[in-house]
Amino acid sequence: MRQVILYPGEDGYWIAEVPSLPGCLSQGKTREEALANIREAIQGYVAALKDDGLAVPEERFEAMVVAV
């Protein structure tokens, strides 16, 4: 399981990124599409690490919402 940050991009697309997997990000026209795409990106990222004999980083982020 990975935490995903999801936010609207400047071009109207939704951006999804995984802080615990540097460089692992995707996008979609809708939130749902962005989430489906990031699931696929996570699977590919982890598979590539394993294929290269590299360790898969553990989830290490904790998200919080701060009211200001």
C-alpha atoms as a PDB file:
ATOM      1  CA  MET A   1       0.000   0.000   0.000  1.00  0.00           C
ATOM      2  CA  ARG A   2       1.232   3.465  -0.886  1.00  0.00           C
ATOM      3  CA  GLN A   3       0.068   6.937  -0.039  1.00  0.00           C
ATOM      4  CA  VAL A   4      -0.801   8.969  -3.104  1.00  0.00           C
ATOM      5  CA  ILE A   5      -1.024  12.734  -3.321  1.00  0.00           C
ATOM      6  CA  LEU A   6      -3.711  13.812  -5.746  1.00  0.00           C
ATOM      7  CA  TYR A   7      -4.142  17.413  -6.897  1.00  0.00           C
ATOM      8  CA  PRO A   8      -5.426  19.377  -9.885  1.00  0.00           C
ATOM      9  CA  GLY A   9      -2.780  20.435 -12.384  1.00  0.00           C
ATOM     10  CA  GLU A  10      -2.654  23.747 -14.193  1.00  0.00           C
ATOM     11  CA  ASP A  11      -3.744  22.098 -17.450  1.00  0.00           C
ATOM     12  CA  GLY A  12      -7.010  20.738 -16.012  1.00  0.00           C
ATOM     13  CA  TYR A  13      -5.661  17.220 -15.524  1.00  0.00           C
ATOM     14  CA  TRP A  14      -5.363  15.549 -12.119  1.00  0.00           C
ATOM     15  CA  ILE A  15      -1.843  14.758 -10.954  1.00  0.00           C
ATOM     16  CA  ALA A  16      -1.082  11.726  -8.766  1.00  0.00           C
ATOM     17  CA  GLU A  17       2.294  11.159  -7.173  1.00  0.00           C
ATOM     18  CA  VAL A  18       3.767   8.712  -4.683  1.00  0.00           C
ATOM     19  CA  PRO A  19       6.169  10.429  -2.259  1.00  0.00           C
ATOM     20  CA  SER A  20       7.766   7.167  -1.100  1.00  0.00           C
ATOM     21  CA  LEU A  21       8.683   6.257  -4.701  1.00  0.00           C
ATOM     22  CA  PRO A  22      10.673   9.232  -6.062  1.00  0.00           C
ATOM     23  CA  GLY A  23       9.652  10.132  -9.585  1.00  0.00           C
ATOM     24  CA  CYS A  24       6.581   7.892  -9.551  1.00  0.00           C
ATOM     25  CA  LEU A  25       3.746  10.051 -10.818  1.00  0.00           C
ATOM     26  CA  SER A  26       0.942   9.992 -13.304  1.00  0.00           C
ATOM     27  CA  GLN A  27      -2.068  12.005 -14.388  1.00  0.00           C
ATOM     28  CA  GLY A  28      -5.571  11.679 -15.745  1.00  0.00           C
ATOM     29  CA  LYS A  29      -8.466  13.734 -17.048  1.00  0.00           C
ATOM     30  CA  THR A  30     -10.458  12.798 -13.945  1.00  0.00           C
ATOM     31  CA  ARG A  31      -9.535  11.862 -10.384  1.00  0.00           C
ATOM     32  CA  GLU A  32     -10.576   8.283 -11.086  1.00  0.00           C
ATOM     33  CA  GLU A  33      -8.419   8.073 -14.206  1.00  0.00           C
ATOM     34  CA  ALA A  34      -5.441   9.546 -12.356  1.00  0.00           C
ATOM     35  CA  LEU A  35      -5.848   6.957  -9.575  1.00  0.00           C
ATOM     36  CA  ALA A  36      -6.100   4.094 -12.070  1.00  0.00           C
ATOM     37  CA  ASN A  37      -2.997   5.380 -13.854  1.00  0.00           C
ATOM     38  CA  ILE A  38      -0.974   5.754 -10.644  1.00  0.00           C
ATOM     39  CA  ARG A  39      -1.830   2.182  -9.643  1.00  0.00           C
ATOM     40  CA  GLU A  40      -0.322   1.024 -12.923  1.00  0.00           C
ATOM     41  CA  ALA A  41       2.694   3.320 -12.446  1.00  0.00           C
ATOM     42  CA  ILE A  42       3.324   1.933  -8.948  1.00  0.00           C
ATOM     43  CA  GLN A  43       3.224  -1.639 -10.240  1.00  0.00           C
ATOM     44  CA  GLY A  44       5.662  -0.800 -13.026  1.00  0.00           C
ATOM     45  CA  TYR A  45       7.983   1.117 -10.699  1.00  0.00           C
ATOM     46  CA  VAL A  46       8.164  -1.734  -8.179  1.00  0.00           C
ATOM     47  CA  ALA A  47       8.594  -4.341 -10.935  1.00  0.00           C
ATOM     48  CA  ALA A  48      11.476  -2.358 -12.455  1.00  0.00           C
ATOM     49  CA  LEU A  49      13.236  -2.111  -9.093  1.00  0.00           C
ATOM     50  CA  LYS A  50      12.877  -5.843  -8.516  1.00  0.00           C
ATOM     51  CA  ASP A  51      14.073  -6.641 -12.054  1.00  0.00           C
ATOM     52  CA  ASP A  52      17.186  -4.552 -11.387  1.00  0.00           C
ATOM     53  CA  GLY A  53      17.781  -6.270  -8.042  1.00  0.00           C
ATOM     54  CA  LEU A  54      17.144  -3.054  -6.116  1.00  0.00           C
ATOM     55  CA  ALA A  55      15.321  -2.697  -2.825  1.00  0.00           C
ATOM     56  CA  VAL A  56      11.773  -1.378  -2.905  1.00  0.00           C
ATOM     57  CA  PRO A  57      11.503   1.650  -0.594  1.00  0.00           C
ATOM     58  CA  GLU A  58       9.133   1.232   2.297  1.00  0.00           C
ATOM     59  CA  GLU A  59       6.200   3.550   2.775  1.00  0.00           C
ATOM     60  CA  ARG A  60       7.481   6.262   5.087  1.00  0.00           C
ATOM     61  CA  PHE A  61       5.173   9.222   4.689  1.00  0.00           C
ATOM     62  CA  GLU A  62       2.291  10.247   6.846  1.00  0.00           C
ATOM     63  CA  ALA A  63      -0.164  12.744   5.412  1.00  0.00           C
ATOM     64  CA  MET A  64      -1.949  15.324   7.478  1.00  0.00           C
ATOM     65  CA  VAL A  65      -4.334  18.130   6.661  1.00  0.00           C
ATOM     66  CA  VAL A  66      -3.589  21.405   8.434  1.00  0.00           C
ATOM     67  CA  ALA A  67      -6.244  24.093   8.698  1.00  0.00           C
ATOM     68  CA  VAL A  68      -4.922  27.638   8.422  1.00  0.00           C
END
